[in-house]
Full PDB file with SEQRES, HELIX, SHEET, SSBOND, CRYST1, ORIGX, SCALE, CONECT and MASTER records, all heavy atoms in Angstrom:
SEQRES   1 A   41  GLY VAL THR LEU HIS PRO ALA VAL ARG VAL VAL ALA ARG          
SEQRES   2 A   41  PHE ASP ASP ALA LEU ASN GLY TRP ASP GLY ALA LEU GLN          
SEQRES   3 A   41  SER VAL TYR SER ASP HIS PHE ASP ALA GLU GLY ILE LYS          
SEQRES   4 A   41  LEU VAL                                                      
HELIX    1 AA1 ASP A   34  GLU A   36  5                                   3    
CRYST1    1.000    1.000    1.000  90.00  90.00  90.00 P 1           1          
ORIGX1      1.000000  0.000000  0.000000        0.00000                         
ORIGX2      0.000000  1.000000  0.000000        0.00000                         
ORIGX3      0.000000  0.000000  1.000000        0.00000                         
SCALE1      1.000000  0.000000  0.000000        0.00000                         
SCALE2      0.000000  1.000000  0.000000        0.00000                         
SCALE3      0.000000  0.000000  1.000000        0.00000                         
ATOM      1  N   GLY A   1       0.798  -1.221  -0.023  1.00  0.00           N  
ATOM      2  CA  GLY A   1       0.003   0.000  -0.004  1.00  0.00           C  
ATOM      3  C   GLY A   1       0.798   1.280   0.009  1.00  0.00           C  
ATOM      4  O   GLY A   1       0.320   2.323   0.491  1.00  0.00           O  
ATOM      5  N   VAL A   2       2.024   1.230  -0.537  1.00  0.00           N  
ATOM      6  CA  VAL A   2       2.911   2.399  -0.490  1.00  0.00           C  
ATOM      7  C   VAL A   2       2.354   3.513  -1.482  1.00  0.00           C  
ATOM      8  O   VAL A   2       2.044   3.201  -2.611  1.00  0.00           O  
ATOM      9  CB  VAL A   2       4.326   2.022  -0.911  1.00  0.00           C  
ATOM     10  CG1 VAL A   2       5.234   3.248  -1.021  1.00  0.00           C  
ATOM     11  CG2 VAL A   2       4.869   1.047   0.132  1.00  0.00           C  
ATOM     12  N   THR A   3       2.325   4.698  -0.964  1.00  0.00           N  
ATOM     13  CA  THR A   3       2.033   5.846  -1.875  1.00  0.00           C  
ATOM     14  C   THR A   3       3.310   6.601  -2.130  1.00  0.00           C  
ATOM     15  O   THR A   3       4.231   6.618  -1.329  1.00  0.00           O  
ATOM     16  CB  THR A   3       1.025   6.795  -1.161  1.00  0.00           C  
ATOM     17  OG1 THR A   3       1.664   7.437  -0.045  1.00  0.00           O  
ATOM     18  CG2 THR A   3      -0.243   6.079  -0.755  1.00  0.00           C  
ATOM     19  N   LEU A   4       3.368   7.213  -3.335  1.00  0.00           N  
ATOM     20  CA  LEU A   4       4.634   7.814  -3.752  1.00  0.00           C  
ATOM     21  C   LEU A   4       4.540   9.337  -4.012  1.00  0.00           C  
ATOM     22  O   LEU A   4       5.547  10.009  -4.127  1.00  0.00           O  
ATOM     23  CB  LEU A   4       5.173   7.136  -5.009  1.00  0.00           C  
ATOM     24  CG  LEU A   4       5.623   5.682  -4.859  1.00  0.00           C  
ATOM     25  CD1 LEU A   4       6.176   5.188  -6.167  1.00  0.00           C  
ATOM     26  CD2 LEU A   4       6.708   5.574  -3.767  1.00  0.00           C  
ATOM     27  N   HIS A   5       3.331   9.885  -4.211  1.00  0.00           N  
ATOM     28  CA  HIS A   5       3.169  11.306  -4.591  1.00  0.00           C  
ATOM     29  C   HIS A   5       3.895  11.582  -5.902  1.00  0.00           C  
ATOM     30  O   HIS A   5       4.798  12.388  -5.971  1.00  0.00           O  
ATOM     31  CB  HIS A   5       3.742  12.219  -3.480  1.00  0.00           C  
ATOM     32  CG  HIS A   5       3.045  13.513  -3.365  1.00  0.00           C  
ATOM     33  ND1 HIS A   5       3.503  14.541  -2.585  1.00  0.00           N  
ATOM     34  CD2 HIS A   5       1.933  14.010  -3.993  1.00  0.00           C  
ATOM     35  CE1 HIS A   5       2.694  15.561  -2.664  1.00  0.00           C  
ATOM     36  NE2 HIS A   5       1.725  15.280  -3.501  1.00  0.00           N  
ATOM     37  N   PRO A   6       3.494  10.919  -6.985  1.00  0.00           N  
ATOM     38  CA  PRO A   6       4.175  11.090  -8.276  1.00  0.00           C  
ATOM     39  C   PRO A   6       4.152  12.470  -8.770  1.00  0.00           C  
ATOM     40  O   PRO A   6       3.177  13.239  -8.513  1.00  0.00           O  
ATOM     41  CB  PRO A   6       3.383  10.113  -9.205  1.00  0.00           C  
ATOM     42  CG  PRO A   6       2.729   9.169  -8.292  1.00  0.00           C  
ATOM     43  CD  PRO A   6       2.404   9.966  -7.083  1.00  0.00           C  
ATOM     44  N   ALA A   7       5.196  12.895  -9.531  1.00  0.00           N  
ATOM     45  CA  ALA A   7       5.305  14.251  -9.991  1.00  0.00           C  
ATOM     46  C   ALA A   7       5.814  14.284 -11.408  1.00  0.00           C  
ATOM     47  O   ALA A   7       6.540  13.415 -11.852  1.00  0.00           O  
ATOM     48  CB  ALA A   7       6.234  15.049  -9.063  1.00  0.00           C  
ATOM     49  N   VAL A   8       5.434  15.353 -12.114  1.00  0.00           N  
ATOM     50  CA  VAL A   8       5.987  15.652 -13.436  1.00  0.00           C  
ATOM     51  C   VAL A   8       6.326  17.142 -13.484  1.00  0.00           C  
ATOM     52  O   VAL A   8       5.908  17.914 -12.635  1.00  0.00           O  
ATOM     53  CB  VAL A   8       4.954  15.331 -14.565  1.00  0.00           C  
ATOM     54  CG1 VAL A   8       4.747  13.854 -14.691  1.00  0.00           C  
ATOM     55  CG2 VAL A   8       3.639  16.081 -14.309  1.00  0.00           C  
ATOM     56  N   ARG A   9       7.109  17.526 -14.497  1.00  0.00           N  
ATOM     57  CA  ARG A   9       7.405  18.893 -14.692  1.00  0.00           C  
ATOM     58  C   ARG A   9       7.548  19.231 -16.170  1.00  0.00           C  
ATOM     59  O   ARG A   9       7.691  18.324 -17.001  1.00  0.00           O  
ATOM     60  CB  ARG A   9       8.707  19.297 -13.946  1.00  0.00           C  
ATOM     61  CG  ARG A   9       9.946  18.465 -14.402  1.00  0.00           C  
ATOM     62  CD  ARG A   9      10.800  19.219 -15.334  1.00  0.00           C  
ATOM     63  NE  ARG A   9      11.953  18.472 -15.812  1.00  0.00           N  
ATOM     64  CZ  ARG A   9      11.991  17.865 -16.971  1.00  0.00           C  
ATOM     65  NH1 ARG A   9      10.957  17.846 -17.788  1.00  0.00           N  
ATOM     66  NH2 ARG A   9      13.070  17.173 -17.355  1.00  0.00           N  
ATOM     67  N   VAL A  10       7.381  20.511 -16.536  1.00  0.00           N  
ATOM     68  CA  VAL A  10       7.617  20.982 -17.859  1.00  0.00           C  
ATOM     69  C   VAL A  10       8.649  22.029 -17.853  1.00  0.00           C  
ATOM     70  O   VAL A  10       8.859  22.746 -16.857  1.00  0.00           O  
ATOM     71  CB  VAL A  10       6.328  21.509 -18.573  1.00  0.00           C  
ATOM     72  CG1 VAL A  10       5.239  20.466 -18.572  1.00  0.00           C  
ATOM     73  CG2 VAL A  10       5.885  22.808 -17.915  1.00  0.00           C  
ATOM     74  N   VAL A  11       9.403  22.173 -18.923  1.00  0.00           N  
ATOM     75  CA  VAL A  11      10.373  23.186 -19.138  1.00  0.00           C  
ATOM     76  C   VAL A  11       9.922  24.036 -20.342  1.00  0.00           C  
ATOM     77  O   VAL A  11       9.645  23.456 -21.425  1.00  0.00           O  
ATOM     78  CB  VAL A  11      11.777  22.633 -19.397  1.00  0.00           C  
ATOM     79  CG1 VAL A  11      12.796  23.776 -19.640  1.00  0.00           C  
ATOM     80  CG2 VAL A  11      12.251  21.761 -18.239  1.00  0.00           C  
ATOM     81  N   ALA A  12       9.774  25.323 -20.163  1.00  0.00           N  
ATOM     82  CA  ALA A  12       9.253  26.180 -21.225  1.00  0.00           C  
ATOM     83  C   ALA A  12      10.311  27.204 -21.685  1.00  0.00           C  
ATOM     84  O   ALA A  12      10.906  27.845 -20.804  1.00  0.00           O  
ATOM     85  CB  ALA A  12       8.000  26.924 -20.733  1.00  0.00           C  
ATOM     86  N   ARG A  13      10.511  27.352 -22.983  1.00  0.00           N  
ATOM     87  CA  ARG A  13      11.485  28.284 -23.519  1.00  0.00           C  
ATOM     88  C   ARG A  13      10.838  29.583 -23.919  1.00  0.00           C  
ATOM     89  O   ARG A  13       9.824  29.574 -24.639  1.00  0.00           O  
ATOM     90  CB  ARG A  13      12.242  27.676 -24.695  1.00  0.00           C  
ATOM     91  CG  ARG A  13      13.314  28.601 -25.257  1.00  0.00           C  
ATOM     92  CD  ARG A  13      14.084  27.991 -26.414  1.00  0.00           C  
ATOM     93  NE  ARG A  13      13.230  27.649 -27.527  1.00  0.00           N  
ATOM     94  CZ  ARG A  13      12.818  28.529 -28.469  1.00  0.00           C  
ATOM     95  NH1 ARG A  13      13.181  29.829 -28.347  1.00  0.00           N  
ATOM     96  NH2 ARG A  13      12.076  28.113 -29.486  1.00  0.00           N  
ATOM     97  N   PHE A  14      11.406  30.677 -23.451  1.00  0.00           N  
ATOM     98  CA  PHE A  14      10.941  32.002 -23.799  1.00  0.00           C  
ATOM     99  C   PHE A  14      12.006  32.759 -24.664  1.00  0.00           C  
ATOM    100  O   PHE A  14      13.079  32.265 -24.861  1.00  0.00           O  
ATOM    101  CB  PHE A  14      10.653  32.799 -22.527  1.00  0.00           C  
ATOM    102  CG  PHE A  14       9.446  32.275 -21.764  1.00  0.00           C  
ATOM    103  CD1 PHE A  14       9.606  31.178 -20.842  1.00  0.00           C  
ATOM    104  CD2 PHE A  14       8.194  32.787 -21.885  1.00  0.00           C  
ATOM    105  CE1 PHE A  14       8.536  30.677 -20.171  1.00  0.00           C  
ATOM    106  CE2 PHE A  14       7.101  32.269 -21.231  1.00  0.00           C  
ATOM    107  CZ  PHE A  14       7.235  31.206 -20.337  1.00  0.00           C  
ATOM    108  N   ASP A  15      11.616  33.976 -25.096  1.00  0.00           N  
ATOM    109  CA  ASP A  15      12.533  34.756 -25.916  1.00  0.00           C  
ATOM    110  C   ASP A  15      13.573  35.526 -25.091  1.00  0.00           C  
ATOM    111  O   ASP A  15      14.701  35.790 -25.572  1.00  0.00           O  
ATOM    112  CB  ASP A  15      11.769  35.752 -26.788  1.00  0.00           C  
ATOM    113  CG  ASP A  15      10.986  35.086 -27.910  1.00  0.00           C  
ATOM    114  OD1 ASP A  15      11.462  33.972 -28.333  1.00  0.00           O  
ATOM    115  OD2 ASP A  15       9.982  35.637 -28.378  1.00  0.00           O  
ATOM    116  N   ASP A  16      13.189  35.864 -23.900  1.00  0.00           N  
ATOM    117  CA  ASP A  16      14.080  36.684 -23.049  1.00  0.00           C  
ATOM    118  C   ASP A  16      14.705  35.892 -21.953  1.00  0.00           C  
ATOM    119  O   ASP A  16      14.259  34.780 -21.572  1.00  0.00           O  
ATOM    120  CB  ASP A  16      13.271  37.853 -22.434  1.00  0.00           C  
ATOM    121  CG  ASP A  16      12.089  37.399 -21.685  1.00  0.00           C  
ATOM    122  OD1 ASP A  16      11.392  36.415 -22.114  1.00  0.00           O  
ATOM    123  OD2 ASP A  16      11.760  37.983 -20.658  1.00  0.00           O  
ATOM    124  N   ALA A  17      15.798  36.394 -21.416  1.00  0.00           N  
ATOM    125  CA  ALA A  17      16.537  35.702 -20.295  1.00  0.00           C  
ATOM    126  C   ALA A  17      15.740  35.811 -19.028  1.00  0.00           C  
ATOM    127  O   ALA A  17      15.253  36.881 -18.655  1.00  0.00           O  
ATOM    128  CB  ALA A  17      17.913  36.354 -20.133  1.00  0.00           C  
ATOM    129  N   LEU A  18      15.655  34.664 -18.337  1.00  0.00           N  
ATOM    130  CA  LEU A  18      14.934  34.623 -17.019  1.00  0.00           C  
ATOM    131  C   LEU A  18      15.878  34.259 -15.889  1.00  0.00           C  
ATOM    132  O   LEU A  18      15.625  34.630 -14.746  1.00  0.00           O  
ATOM    133  CB  LEU A  18      13.807  33.570 -17.126  1.00  0.00           C  
ATOM    134  CG  LEU A  18      12.688  33.831 -18.109  1.00  0.00           C  
ATOM    135  CD1 LEU A  18      11.782  32.650 -18.181  1.00  0.00           C  
ATOM    136  CD2 LEU A  18      11.939  35.101 -17.768  1.00  0.00           C  
ATOM    137  N   ASN A  19      16.991  33.551 -16.183  1.00  0.00           N  
ATOM    138  CA  ASN A  19      17.945  33.132 -15.160  1.00  0.00           C  
ATOM    139  C   ASN A  19      17.240  32.567 -13.956  1.00  0.00           C  
ATOM    140  O   ASN A  19      17.370  33.061 -12.819  1.00  0.00           O  
ATOM    141  CB  ASN A  19      18.793  34.354 -14.757  1.00  0.00           C  
ATOM    142  CG  ASN A  19      19.639  34.886 -15.934  1.00  0.00           C  
ATOM    143  OD1 ASN A  19      19.885  34.172 -16.907  1.00  0.00           O  
ATOM    144  ND2 ASN A  19      20.041  36.169 -15.852  1.00  0.00           N  
ATOM    145  N   GLY A  20      16.460  31.522 -14.188  1.00  0.00           N  
ATOM    146  CA  GLY A  20      15.641  30.914 -13.119  1.00  0.00           C  
ATOM    147  C   GLY A  20      16.339  30.466 -11.919  1.00  0.00           C  
ATOM    148  O   GLY A  20      15.722  30.197 -10.900  1.00  0.00           O  
ATOM    149  N   TRP A  21      17.640  30.272 -12.023  1.00  0.00           N  
ATOM    150  CA  TRP A  21      18.407  29.861 -10.808  1.00  0.00           C  
ATOM    151  C   TRP A  21      18.583  30.952  -9.795  1.00  0.00           C  
ATOM    152  O   TRP A  21      19.026  30.716  -8.696  1.00  0.00           O  
ATOM    153  CB  TRP A  21      19.796  29.371 -11.271  1.00  0.00           C  
ATOM    154  CG  TRP A  21      20.564  30.385 -12.145  1.00  0.00           C  
ATOM    155  CD1 TRP A  21      21.269  31.492 -11.733  1.00  0.00           C  
ATOM    156  CD2 TRP A  21      20.609  30.418 -13.542  1.00  0.00           C  
ATOM    157  NE1 TRP A  21      21.743  32.183 -12.760  1.00  0.00           N  
ATOM    158  CE2 TRP A  21      21.384  31.563 -13.913  1.00  0.00           C  
ATOM    159  CE3 TRP A  21      20.102  29.628 -14.570  1.00  0.00           C  
ATOM    160  CZ2 TRP A  21      21.650  31.905 -15.227  1.00  0.00           C  
ATOM    161  CZ3 TRP A  21      20.351  29.952 -15.888  1.00  0.00           C  
ATOM    162  CH2 TRP A  21      21.139  31.087 -16.222  1.00  0.00           C  
ATOM    163  N   ASP A  22      18.243  32.138 -10.173  1.00  0.00           N  
ATOM    164  CA  ASP A  22      18.375  33.290  -9.233  1.00  0.00           C  
ATOM    165  C   ASP A  22      17.066  33.494  -8.534  1.00  0.00           C  
ATOM    166  O   ASP A  22      16.174  34.197  -8.965  1.00  0.00           O  
ATOM    167  CB  ASP A  22      18.719  34.537 -10.102  1.00  0.00           C  
ATOM    168  CG  ASP A  22      19.068  35.735  -9.180  1.00  0.00           C  
ATOM    169  OD1 ASP A  22      19.147  35.561  -7.947  1.00  0.00           O  
ATOM    170  OD2 ASP A  22      19.220  36.865  -9.693  1.00  0.00           O  
ATOM    171  N   GLY A  23      16.934  32.849  -7.340  1.00  0.00           N  
ATOM    172  CA  GLY A  23      15.713  32.951  -6.599  1.00  0.00           C  
ATOM    173  C   GLY A  23      15.512  31.621  -5.813  1.00  0.00           C  
ATOM    174  O   GLY A  23      16.293  30.633  -5.982  1.00  0.00           O  
ATOM    175  N   ALA A  24      14.467  31.567  -5.022  1.00  0.00           N  
ATOM    176  CA  ALA A  24      14.212  30.344  -4.250  1.00  0.00           C  
ATOM    177  C   ALA A  24      13.864  29.212  -5.226  1.00  0.00           C  
ATOM    178  O   ALA A  24      13.142  29.410  -6.192  1.00  0.00           O  
ATOM    179  CB  ALA A  24      13.018  30.611  -3.290  1.00  0.00           C  
ATOM    180  N   LEU A  25      14.336  28.036  -4.932  1.00  0.00           N  
ATOM    181  CA  LEU A  25      14.091  26.852  -5.771  1.00  0.00           C  
ATOM    182  C   LEU A  25      12.576  26.636  -5.808  1.00  0.00           C  
ATOM    183  O   LEU A  25      12.054  26.263  -6.909  1.00  0.00           O  
ATOM    184  CB  LEU A  25      14.813  25.647  -5.202  1.00  0.00           C  
ATOM    185  CG  LEU A  25      14.681  24.352  -6.010  1.00  0.00           C  
ATOM    186  CD1 LEU A  25      16.031  23.653  -6.053  1.00  0.00           C  
ATOM    187  CD2 LEU A  25      13.633  23.396  -5.388  1.00  0.00           C  
ATOM    188  N   GLN A  26      11.862  26.742  -4.715  1.00  0.00           N  
ATOM    189  CA  GLN A  26      10.423  26.567  -4.688  1.00  0.00           C  
ATOM    190  C   GLN A  26       9.840  27.737  -3.880  1.00  0.00           C  
ATOM    191  O   GLN A  26      10.279  27.962  -2.738  1.00  0.00           O  
ATOM    192  CB  GLN A  26      10.027  25.250  -4.032  1.00  0.00           C  
ATOM    193  CG  GLN A  26      10.459  24.051  -4.876  1.00  0.00           C  
ATOM    194  CD  GLN A  26      10.144  22.761  -4.176  1.00  0.00           C  
ATOM    195  OE1 GLN A  26      10.845  22.320  -3.273  1.00  0.00           O  
ATOM    196  NE2 GLN A  26       9.067  22.066  -4.620  1.00  0.00           N  
ATOM    197  N   SER A  27       8.863  28.413  -4.452  1.00  0.00           N  
ATOM    198  CA  SER A  27       8.325  29.587  -3.720  1.00  0.00           C  
ATOM    199  C   SER A  27       6.819  29.740  -3.799  1.00  0.00           C  
ATOM    200  O   SER A  27       6.224  30.443  -3.009  1.00  0.00           O  
ATOM    201  CB  SER A  27       8.966  30.868  -4.273  1.00  0.00           C  
ATOM    202  OG  SER A  27       8.755  30.998  -5.673  1.00  0.00           O  
ATOM    203  N   VAL A  28       6.139  29.046  -4.742  1.00  0.00           N  
ATOM    204  CA  VAL A  28       4.680  29.179  -4.879  1.00  0.00           C  
ATOM    205  C   VAL A  28       4.098  27.799  -5.162  1.00  0.00           C  
ATOM    206  O   VAL A  28       4.719  26.864  -5.615  1.00  0.00           O  
ATOM    207  CB  VAL A  28       4.290  30.124  -6.020  1.00  0.00           C  
ATOM    208  CG1 VAL A  28       4.858  31.500  -5.798  1.00  0.00           C  
ATOM    209  CG2 VAL A  28       4.730  29.599  -7.384  1.00  0.00           C  
ATOM    210  N   TYR A  29       2.772  27.749  -4.906  1.00  0.00           N  
ATOM    211  CA  TYR A  29       2.010  26.523  -5.240  1.00  0.00           C  
ATOM    212  C   TYR A  29       0.564  26.950  -5.525  1.00  0.00           C  
ATOM    213  O   TYR A  29       0.134  28.064  -5.236  1.00  0.00           O  
ATOM    214  CB  TYR A  29       2.042  25.502  -4.123  1.00  0.00           C  
ATOM    215  CG  TYR A  29       1.148  25.801  -2.925  1.00  0.00           C  
ATOM    216  CD1 TYR A  29      -0.103  25.182  -2.815  1.00  0.00           C  
ATOM    217  CD2 TYR A  29       1.478  26.777  -1.982  1.00  0.00           C  
ATOM    218  CE1 TYR A  29      -0.944  25.445  -1.723  1.00  0.00           C  
ATOM    219  CE2 TYR A  29       0.679  27.029  -0.909  1.00  0.00           C  
ATOM    220  CZ  TYR A  29      -0.556  26.398  -0.786  1.00  0.00           C  
ATOM    221  OH  TYR A  29      -1.390  26.647   0.254  1.00  0.00           O  
ATOM    222  N   SER A  30      -0.184  26.011  -6.103  1.00  0.00           N  
ATOM    223  CA  SER A  30      -1.622  26.220  -6.294  1.00  0.00           C  
ATOM    224  C   SER A  30      -2.357  24.915  -5.932  1.00  0.00           C  
ATOM    225  O   SER A  30      -1.989  23.878  -6.361  1.00  0.00           O  
ATOM    226  CB  SER A  30      -1.916  26.579  -7.732  1.00  0.00           C  
ATOM    227  OG  SER A  30      -3.329  26.726  -7.920  1.00  0.00           O  
ATOM    228  N   ASP A  31      -3.434  25.127  -5.117  1.00  0.00           N  
ATOM    229  CA  ASP A  31      -4.336  24.000  -4.803  1.00  0.00           C  
ATOM    230  C   ASP A  31      -5.593  24.126  -5.594  1.00  0.00           C  
ATOM    231  O   ASP A  31      -6.663  23.545  -5.220  1.00  0.00           O  
ATOM    232  CB  ASP A  31      -4.571  23.901  -3.339  1.00  0.00           C  
ATOM    233  CG  ASP A  31      -5.091  25.221  -2.722  1.00  0.00           C  
ATOM    234  OD1 ASP A  31      -5.502  26.105  -3.494  1.00  0.00           O  
ATOM    235  OD2 ASP A  31      -5.168  25.330  -1.442  1.00  0.00           O  
ATOM    236  N   HIS A  32      -5.593  24.911  -6.713  1.00  0.00           N  
ATOM    237  CA  HIS A  32      -6.760  25.134  -7.505  1.00  0.00           C  
ATOM    238  C   HIS A  32      -7.378  23.815  -8.060  1.00  0.00           C  
ATOM    239  O   HIS A  32      -8.627  23.742  -8.241  1.00  0.00           O  
ATOM    240  CB  HIS A  32      -6.385  26.016  -8.679  1.00  0.00           C  
ATOM    241  CG  HIS A  32      -7.532  26.502  -9.531  1.00  0.00           C  
ATOM    242  ND1 HIS A  32      -8.526  27.309  -9.079  1.00  0.00           N  
ATOM    243  CD2 HIS A  32      -7.842  26.219 -10.863  1.00  0.00           C  
ATOM    244  CE1 HIS A  32      -9.419  27.564 -10.036  1.00  0.00           C  
ATOM    245  NE2 HIS A  32      -9.034  26.893 -11.139  1.00  0.00           N  
ATOM    246  N   PHE A  33      -6.528  22.822  -8.278  1.00  0.00           N  
ATOM    247  CA  PHE A  33      -7.016  21.537  -8.836  1.00  0.00           C  
ATOM    248  C   PHE A  33      -7.017  20.439  -7.786  1.00  0.00           C  
ATOM    249  O   PHE A  33      -6.934  19.260  -8.116  1.00  0.00           O  
ATOM    250  CB  PHE A  33      -6.131  21.175 -10.018  1.00  0.00           C  
ATOM    251  CG  PHE A  33      -6.143  22.166 -11.144  1.00  0.00           C  
ATOM    252  CD1 PHE A  33      -5.156  23.111 -11.284  1.00  0.00           C  
ATOM    253  CD2 PHE A  33      -7.170  22.096 -12.118  1.00  0.00           C  
ATOM    254  CE1 PHE A  33      -5.205  24.018 -12.329  1.00  0.00           C  
ATOM    255  CE2 PHE A  33      -7.224  23.031 -13.161  1.00  0.00           C  
ATOM    256  CZ  PHE A  33      -6.207  23.980 -13.263  1.00  0.00           C  
ATOM    257  N   ASP A  34      -7.097  20.819  -6.535  1.00  0.00           N  
ATOM    258  CA  ASP A  34      -7.089  19.796  -5.472  1.00  0.00           C  
ATOM    259  C   ASP A  34      -8.232  18.771  -5.616  1.00  0.00           C  
ATOM    260  O   ASP A  34      -8.066  17.605  -5.276  1.00  0.00           O  
ATOM    261  CB  ASP A  34      -7.162  20.420  -4.078  1.00  0.00           C  
ATOM    262  CG  ASP A  34      -5.772  20.697  -3.501  1.00  0.00           C  
ATOM    263  OD1 ASP A  34      -4.766  20.526  -4.247  1.00  0.00           O  
ATOM    264  OD2 ASP A  34      -5.658  21.048  -2.337  1.00  0.00           O  
ATOM    265  N   ALA A  35      -9.357  19.238  -6.103  1.00  0.00           N  
ATOM    266  CA  ALA A  35     -10.494  18.328  -6.303  1.00  0.00           C  
ATOM    267  C   ALA A  35     -10.202  17.254  -7.311  1.00  0.00           C  
ATOM    268  O   ALA A  35     -10.786  16.122  -7.303  1.00  0.00           O  
ATOM    269  CB  ALA A  35     -11.728  19.082  -6.720  1.00  0.00           C  
ATOM    270  N   GLU A  36      -9.214  17.497  -8.165  1.00  0.00           N  
ATOM    271  CA  GLU A  36      -8.763  16.545  -9.161  1.00  0.00           C  
ATOM    272  C   GLU A  36      -7.546  15.771  -8.714  1.00  0.00           C  
ATOM    273  O   GLU A  36      -6.946  14.958  -9.429  1.00  0.00           O  
ATOM    274  CB  GLU A  36      -8.452  17.193 -10.490  1.00  0.00           C  
ATOM    275  CG  GLU A  36      -9.604  17.937 -11.150  1.00  0.00           C  
ATOM    276  CD  GLU A  36      -9.252  18.570 -12.485  1.00  0.00           C  
ATOM    277  OE1 GLU A  36      -8.607  17.875 -13.318  1.00  0.00           O  
ATOM    278  OE2 GLU A  36      -9.517  19.763 -12.654  1.00  0.00           O  
ATOM    279  N   GLY A  37      -7.105  16.034  -7.462  1.00  0.00           N  
ATOM    280  CA  GLY A  37      -5.932  15.373  -6.914  1.00  0.00           C  
ATOM    281  C   GLY A  37      -4.620  15.889  -7.466  1.00  0.00           C  
ATOM    282  O   GLY A  37      -3.612  15.136  -7.491  1.00  0.00           O  
ATOM    283  N   ILE A  38      -4.593  17.152  -7.932  1.00  0.00           N  
ATOM    284  CA  ILE A  38      -3.415  17.764  -8.521  1.00  0.00           C  
ATOM    285  C   ILE A  38      -2.996  18.976  -7.772  1.00  0.00           C  
ATOM    286  O   ILE A  38      -3.808  19.858  -7.507  1.00  0.00           O  
ATOM    287  CB  ILE A  38      -3.690  18.112  -9.991  1.00  0.00           C  
ATOM    288  CG1 ILE A  38      -4.012  16.855 -10.790  1.00  0.00           C  
ATOM    289  CG2 ILE A  38      -2.509  18.886 -10.584  1.00  0.00           C  
ATOM    290  CD1 ILE A  38      -4.524  17.172 -12.205  1.00  0.00           C  
ATOM    291  N   LYS A  39      -1.752  19.055  -7.404  1.00  0.00           N  
ATOM    292  CA  LYS A  39      -1.182  20.258  -6.774  1.00  0.00           C  
ATOM    293  C   LYS A  39      -0.036  20.784  -7.654  1.00  0.00           C  
ATOM    294  O   LYS A  39       0.848  20.004  -8.063  1.00  0.00           O  
ATOM    295  CB  LYS A  39      -0.665  19.974  -5.375  1.00  0.00           C  
ATOM    296  CG  LYS A  39      -0.336  21.265  -4.567  1.00  0.00           C  
ATOM    297  CD  LYS A  39       0.045  20.975  -3.126  1.00  0.00           C  
ATOM    298  CE  LYS A  39      -1.064  20.322  -2.359  1.00  0.00           C  
ATOM    299  NZ  LYS A  39      -2.223  21.227  -2.184  1.00  0.00           N  
ATOM    300  N   LEU A  40      -0.113  22.055  -8.009  1.00  0.00           N  
ATOM    301  CA  LEU A  40       0.932  22.694  -8.847  1.00  0.00           C  
ATOM    302  C   LEU A  40       1.977  23.350  -7.913  1.00  0.00           C  
ATOM    303  O   LEU A  40       1.622  23.952  -6.942  1.00  0.00           O  
ATOM    304  CB  LEU A  40       0.329  23.733  -9.741  1.00  0.00           C  
ATOM    305  CG  LEU A  40      -0.873  23.328 -10.552  1.00  0.00           C  
ATOM    306  CD1 LEU A  40      -1.402  24.499 -11.402  1.00  0.00           C  
ATOM    307  CD2 LEU A  40      -0.530  22.118 -11.471  1.00  0.00           C  
ATOM    308  N   VAL A  41       3.263  23.139  -8.266  1.00  0.00           N  
ATOM    309  CA  VAL A  41       4.331  23.616  -7.416  1.00  0.00           C  
ATOM    310  C   VAL A  41       5.429  24.224  -8.249  1.00  0.00           C  
ATOM    311  O   VAL A  41       5.955  23.602  -9.232  1.00  0.00           O  
ATOM    312  CB  VAL A  41       4.939  22.518  -6.546  1.00  0.00           C  
ATOM    313  CG1 VAL A  41       6.019  23.084  -5.612  1.00  0.00           C  
ATOM    314  CG2 VAL A  41       3.879  21.795  -5.754  1.00  0.00           C  
TER     315      VAL A  41                                                      
MASTER        0    0    0    1    0    0    0    6  314    1    0    4          
END                                                                             
């Protein structure tokens, strides 16, 4: 009965520099889809 909390991610390319490494690794989330069992992070 082990649960794992499976996760996926996407990488999106933009035209301008974002330098995403400059900032907290994780800072926001959304529980908007909690009824569907999905949490965005």
